[in-house]
Amino acid sequence: MILVGFGAAVGLGVSSSSPSWRDASAALALLSGLYLILQALVSFGIGGYIAGRVHRIIGATPSDMIEGSDGLHGLTSWAIAVILGVALVALISPPATRPVVQSRPSATAAEPLLSAELDHLYRSLRHPANIDNIDIGYERAEAGRILLTSSGHSGVSNEDRSYLIQQVAASTGLAATEAEKRVDTVIGDARTAIARSRRSAVILAFSIAAALLFGAVASWAAACAGGRHRDGARLPEWMGGTPRTVVPVA
């Protein structure tokens, strides 16, 4: 958690609620994913090493069984750490997962992702006189759901596009040609924003899976190394130990 918090503090995060994160380059997203894997190797490796180092051996046990037992202790520390991490995330993020109950039907799944596009769609310095006191929350939510279809293979249908143009013209007082131009611009921006958000989600999911997999391997190997250090034995070469020297027989 310390390493993850440090990475988030310096800007290495693969997700963010800020709309400006969508403009981040793919290289930064990949760097964030690599940092997530690196911190998993370090943290799980340290936990596995401690588990192997403090593992007590009772009675006479063959060395190969001792090493396998150390590795299992490392995997156990990895599993406990994963469970505690998931529990901690579940405890600190209930507000984000709890549904928000509102008094008007203005909630939409598009709002967190396309809030800037929806603001641009209904931006107007002068509203028509007949809608000054009318809430456009439902229209905004409906437009958000339509914009979400822009990421599909067929995109926004002509019927939905014409409906959006009429809605924007009625809500903002723009001329039909200006409303059409704005709708087309916002549809293109929404398609780009959804694609970038999807890319970040794929990188996040792959990075988490890779970090857990590599973390399990690192924990097992580090536990074996900790067990060898505990027993004063030589580490194998694949763990960084010095190669054995063969003394020729005279």
Protein backbone atom coordinates (compact mmCIF):
# COMPACT_ATOMS: atom_id res chain seq x y z
CA MET A 1 0.00 0.00 0.00
CA ILE A 2 2.94 2.33 0.67
CA LEU A 3 4.37 1.74 -2.80
CA VAL A 4 0.97 2.12 -4.46
CA GLY A 5 0.37 5.36 -2.57
CA PHE A 6 3.79 6.66 -3.59
CA GLY A 7 3.10 5.81 -7.23
CA ALA A 8 -0.24 7.62 -7.13
CA ALA A 9 1.41 10.64 -5.51
CA VAL A 10 3.93 11.02 -8.34
CA GLY A 11 1.27 10.53 -11.02
CA LEU A 12 1.76 6.84 -11.80
CA GLY A 13 -1.84 5.71 -11.74
CA VAL A 14 -3.70 3.81 -14.43
CA SER A 15 -7.09 5.29 -13.55
CA SER A 16 -8.44 8.62 -12.36
CA SER A 17 -11.78 10.38 -12.01
CA SER A 18 -10.39 13.54 -13.57
CA PRO A 19 -11.44 14.10 -17.20
CA SER A 20 -7.92 15.37 -17.99
CA TRP A 21 -6.55 11.85 -17.37
CA ARG A 22 -8.09 10.77 -20.66
CA ASP A 23 -5.59 12.99 -22.47
CA ALA A 24 -2.63 11.13 -20.99
CA SER A 25 -0.41 9.32 -23.45
CA ALA A 26 -0.37 5.56 -23.87
CA ALA A 27 3.26 5.56 -22.72
CA LEU A 28 2.25 6.97 -19.32
CA ALA A 29 -0.47 4.34 -18.97
CA LEU A 30 2.02 1.58 -19.79
CA LEU A 31 4.56 3.06 -17.37
CA SER A 32 1.91 3.07 -14.65
CA GLY A 33 1.15 -0.59 -15.35
CA LEU A 34 4.84 -1.52 -15.22
CA TYR A 35 5.19 0.31 -11.90
CA LEU A 36 2.26 -1.68 -10.52
CA ILE A 37 4.01 -4.92 -11.50
CA LEU A 38 7.34 -3.72 -10.07
CA GLN A 39 5.88 -2.76 -6.71
CA ALA A 40 4.16 -6.16 -6.53
CA LEU A 41 7.49 -7.92 -7.11
CA VAL A 42 9.16 -5.86 -4.39
CA SER A 43 6.41 -6.04 -1.77
CA PHE A 44 5.48 -9.70 -2.25
CA GLY A 45 9.16 -10.62 -2.48
CA ILE A 46 9.90 -8.98 0.86
CA GLY A 47 6.89 -10.68 2.46
CA GLY A 48 7.91 -14.06 1.08
CA TYR A 49 11.52 -13.64 2.25
CA ILE A 50 10.41 -12.84 5.79
CA ALA A 51 8.04 -15.84 5.77
CA GLY A 52 10.86 -18.16 4.70
CA ARG A 53 13.43 -16.64 7.05
CA VAL A 54 11.30 -16.97 10.20
CA HIS A 55 9.95 -20.42 9.28
CA ARG A 56 10.94 -22.82 12.04
CA ILE A 57 11.95 -26.37 11.16
CA ILE A 58 11.03 -28.97 13.77
CA GLY A 59 12.77 -32.31 13.70
CA ALA A 60 14.86 -33.87 10.97
CA THR A 61 13.45 -33.01 7.57
CA PRO A 62 15.03 -33.59 4.15
CA SER A 63 16.38 -30.45 2.51
CA ASP A 64 14.11 -30.71 -0.53
CA MET A 65 11.04 -30.92 1.71
CA ILE A 66 12.28 -27.93 3.71
CA GLU A 67 12.66 -25.84 0.56
CA GLY A 68 9.19 -26.84 -0.63
CA SER A 69 7.76 -25.95 2.77
CA ASP A 70 9.46 -22.56 2.65
CA GLY A 71 7.95 -21.94 -0.79
CA LEU A 72 4.50 -22.82 0.50
CA HIS A 73 4.95 -20.38 3.36
CA GLY A 74 5.81 -17.71 0.79
CA LEU A 75 2.66 -18.48 -1.21
CA THR A 76 0.66 -18.33 2.01
CA SER A 77 2.00 -14.86 2.78
CA TRP A 78 1.09 -13.84 -0.80
CA ALA A 79 -2.46 -15.14 -0.40
CA ILE A 80 -2.94 -13.40 2.95
CA ALA A 81 -1.63 -10.14 1.52
CA VAL A 82 -4.03 -10.35 -1.44
CA ILE A 83 -7.00 -11.03 0.86
CA LEU A 84 -6.07 -8.15 3.17
CA GLY A 85 -5.56 -5.84 0.19
CA VAL A 86 -8.99 -6.65 -1.25
CA ALA A 87 -10.60 -6.21 2.18
CA LEU A 88 -8.87 -2.85 2.65
CA VAL A 89 -10.03 -1.61 -0.76
CA ALA A 90 -13.58 -2.75 0.04
CA LEU A 91 -13.51 -0.86 3.36
CA ILE A 92 -12.18 2.45 2.01
CA SER A 93 -14.36 2.59 -1.11
CA PRO A 94 -18.01 2.01 -0.11
CA PRO A 95 -19.11 5.54 -1.15
CA ALA A 96 -17.84 4.96 -4.68
CA THR A 97 -19.74 1.68 -5.08
CA ARG A 98 -22.94 2.59 -3.23
CA PRO A 99 -25.69 3.76 -5.61
CA VAL A 100 -26.65 7.39 -5.23
CA VAL A 101 -30.35 8.02 -4.73
CA GLN A 102 -31.49 11.28 -6.29
CA SER A 103 -34.83 13.06 -6.17
CA ARG A 104 -34.90 13.57 -9.98
CA PRO A 105 -34.14 11.17 -12.84
CA SER A 106 -30.84 12.81 -13.83
CA ALA A 107 -28.38 10.05 -12.91
CA THR A 108 -26.60 8.43 -15.81
CA ALA A 109 -23.67 6.09 -16.21
CA ALA A 110 -22.18 8.54 -18.71
CA GLU A 111 -21.90 11.38 -16.21
CA PRO A 112 -18.54 10.45 -14.61
CA LEU A 113 -16.95 9.70 -17.98
CA LEU A 114 -18.56 12.26 -20.30
CA SER A 115 -19.28 15.11 -17.90
CA ALA A 116 -17.12 17.56 -19.86
CA GLU A 117 -18.79 16.58 -23.15
CA LEU A 118 -22.26 16.98 -21.65
CA ASP A 119 -21.30 20.40 -20.29
CA HIS A 120 -20.16 21.42 -23.76
CA LEU A 121 -23.34 20.05 -25.32
CA TYR A 122 -25.68 22.20 -23.19
CA ARG A 123 -23.46 25.23 -22.71
CA SER A 124 -25.27 28.49 -23.38
CA LEU A 125 -24.96 32.05 -22.13
CA ARG A 126 -28.61 32.77 -22.87
CA HIS A 127 -31.27 30.14 -22.45
CA PRO A 128 -34.64 30.56 -24.13
CA ALA A 129 -37.09 32.45 -21.95
CA ASN A 130 -39.49 29.53 -21.74
CA ILE A 131 -36.96 27.14 -20.10
CA ASP A 132 -35.17 29.45 -17.66
CA ASN A 133 -36.76 27.71 -14.68
CA ILE A 134 -36.82 24.17 -16.10
CA ASP A 135 -34.34 21.57 -14.95
CA ILE A 136 -32.59 19.83 -17.87
CA GLY A 137 -31.27 16.99 -15.71
CA TYR A 138 -33.35 14.34 -17.48
CA GLU A 139 -32.38 15.67 -20.93
CA ARG A 140 -28.74 15.64 -19.90
CA ALA A 141 -28.99 12.05 -18.66
CA GLU A 142 -30.76 10.99 -21.85
CA ALA A 143 -28.08 12.65 -23.97
CA GLY A 144 -25.40 10.85 -21.95
CA ARG A 145 -26.96 7.49 -22.67
CA ILE A 146 -27.10 8.35 -26.37
CA LEU A 147 -23.45 9.42 -26.39
CA LEU A 148 -22.45 6.08 -24.86
CA THR A 149 -23.64 4.40 -28.05
CA SER A 150 -21.01 6.31 -30.05
CA SER A 151 -18.42 3.66 -29.13
CA GLY A 152 -20.39 0.88 -30.82
CA HIS A 153 -19.79 -0.46 -34.31
CA SER A 154 -22.74 1.44 -35.78
CA GLY A 155 -22.24 4.55 -33.64
CA VAL A 156 -25.04 7.00 -32.88
CA SER A 157 -28.04 6.31 -35.06
CA ASN A 158 -29.44 9.02 -37.34
CA GLU A 159 -32.62 9.11 -35.30
CA ASP A 160 -30.73 9.71 -32.05
CA ARG A 161 -28.50 12.29 -33.75
CA SER A 162 -31.52 14.23 -35.04
CA TYR A 163 -33.13 14.01 -31.61
CA LEU A 164 -30.00 15.39 -29.95
CA ILE A 165 -29.85 18.28 -32.41
CA GLN A 166 -33.46 19.22 -31.67
CA GLN A 167 -32.92 18.86 -27.93
CA VAL A 168 -29.78 21.01 -27.89
CA ALA A 169 -31.40 23.66 -30.06
CA ALA A 170 -34.43 23.82 -27.74
CA SER A 171 -32.35 23.84 -24.54
CA THR A 172 -29.65 26.33 -25.56
CA GLY A 173 -31.44 28.55 -28.07
CA LEU A 174 -28.86 27.84 -30.79
CA ALA A 175 -29.73 27.80 -34.45
CA ALA A 176 -30.26 24.41 -36.05
CA THR A 177 -26.97 24.54 -37.99
CA GLU A 178 -24.97 25.51 -34.90
CA ALA A 179 -26.69 22.84 -32.80
CA GLU A 180 -25.91 20.23 -35.46
CA LYS A 181 -22.24 21.24 -35.54
CA ARG A 182 -22.02 21.07 -31.75
CA VAL A 183 -23.67 17.65 -31.60
CA ASP A 184 -21.31 16.22 -34.21
CA THR A 185 -18.31 17.60 -32.33
CA VAL A 186 -19.47 16.20 -29.00
CA ILE A 187 -20.19 12.77 -30.53
CA GLY A 188 -16.61 12.61 -31.85
CA ASP A 189 -15.20 13.74 -28.50
CA ALA A 190 -17.31 11.16 -26.65
CA ARG A 191 -16.11 8.37 -28.94
CA THR A 192 -12.49 9.35 -28.26
CA ALA A 193 -13.05 9.62 -24.49
CA ILE A 194 -14.69 6.18 -24.30
CA ALA A 195 -11.87 4.61 -26.35
CA ARG A 196 -9.22 6.08 -24.07
CA SER A 197 -11.11 5.02 -20.95
CA ARG A 198 -11.43 1.50 -22.35
CA ARG A 199 -7.69 1.43 -23.07
CA SER A 200 -6.91 2.45 -19.50
CA ALA A 201 -9.29 -0.22 -18.16
CA VAL A 202 -7.58 -2.92 -20.25
CA ILE A 203 -4.13 -1.82 -19.04
CA LEU A 204 -5.37 -1.74 -15.43
CA ALA A 205 -6.87 -5.24 -15.62
CA PHE A 206 -3.80 -6.72 -17.33
CA SER A 207 -1.43 -5.00 -14.90
CA ILE A 208 -3.33 -6.27 -11.85
CA ALA A 209 -3.40 -9.83 -13.20
CA ALA A 210 0.30 -9.74 -14.12
CA ALA A 211 1.22 -8.18 -10.76
CA LEU A 212 -0.60 -10.92 -8.84
CA LEU A 213 0.96 -13.67 -10.95
CA PHE A 214 4.51 -12.32 -10.77
CA GLY A 215 3.98 -11.51 -7.09
CA ALA A 216 3.16 -15.16 -6.35
CA VAL A 217 6.33 -16.30 -8.13
CA ALA A 218 8.44 -13.65 -6.36
CA SER A 219 6.98 -14.60 -2.97
CA TRP A 220 7.73 -18.30 -3.51
CA ALA A 221 11.31 -17.67 -4.72
CA ALA A 222 12.03 -15.15 -1.96
CA ALA A 223 10.72 -17.56 0.69
CA CYS A 224 13.08 -20.24 -0.62
CA ALA A 225 15.96 -17.75 -0.49
CA GLY A 226 14.99 -16.74 3.05
CA GLY A 227 14.94 -20.37 4.11
CA ARG A 228 18.43 -20.95 2.69
CA HIS A 229 19.73 -17.86 4.48
CA ARG A 230 18.16 -19.17 7.69
CA ASP A 231 19.97 -22.50 7.30
CA GLY A 232 23.21 -20.93 6.10
CA ALA A 233 23.04 -22.85 2.83
CA ARG A 234 24.30 -21.65 -0.53
CA LEU A 235 21.73 -20.06 -2.82
CA PRO A 236 21.22 -21.63 -6.24
CA GLU A 237 22.59 -19.73 -9.23
CA TRP A 238 19.13 -18.75 -10.51
CA MET A 239 18.57 -16.93 -7.20
CA GLY A 240 21.82 -14.99 -7.51
CA GLY A 241 24.05 -17.39 -5.64
CA THR A 242 27.68 -17.92 -6.53
CA PRO A 243 28.34 -20.90 -8.78
CA ARG A 244 29.94 -23.93 -7.26
CA THR A 245 33.62 -24.37 -7.99
CA VAL A 246 34.71 -27.80 -9.09
CA VAL A 247 38.09 -28.81 -7.72
CA PRO A 248 39.88 -31.17 -10.12
CA VAL A 249 41.04 -34.43 -8.65
CA ALA A 250 44.79 -34.93 -8.95
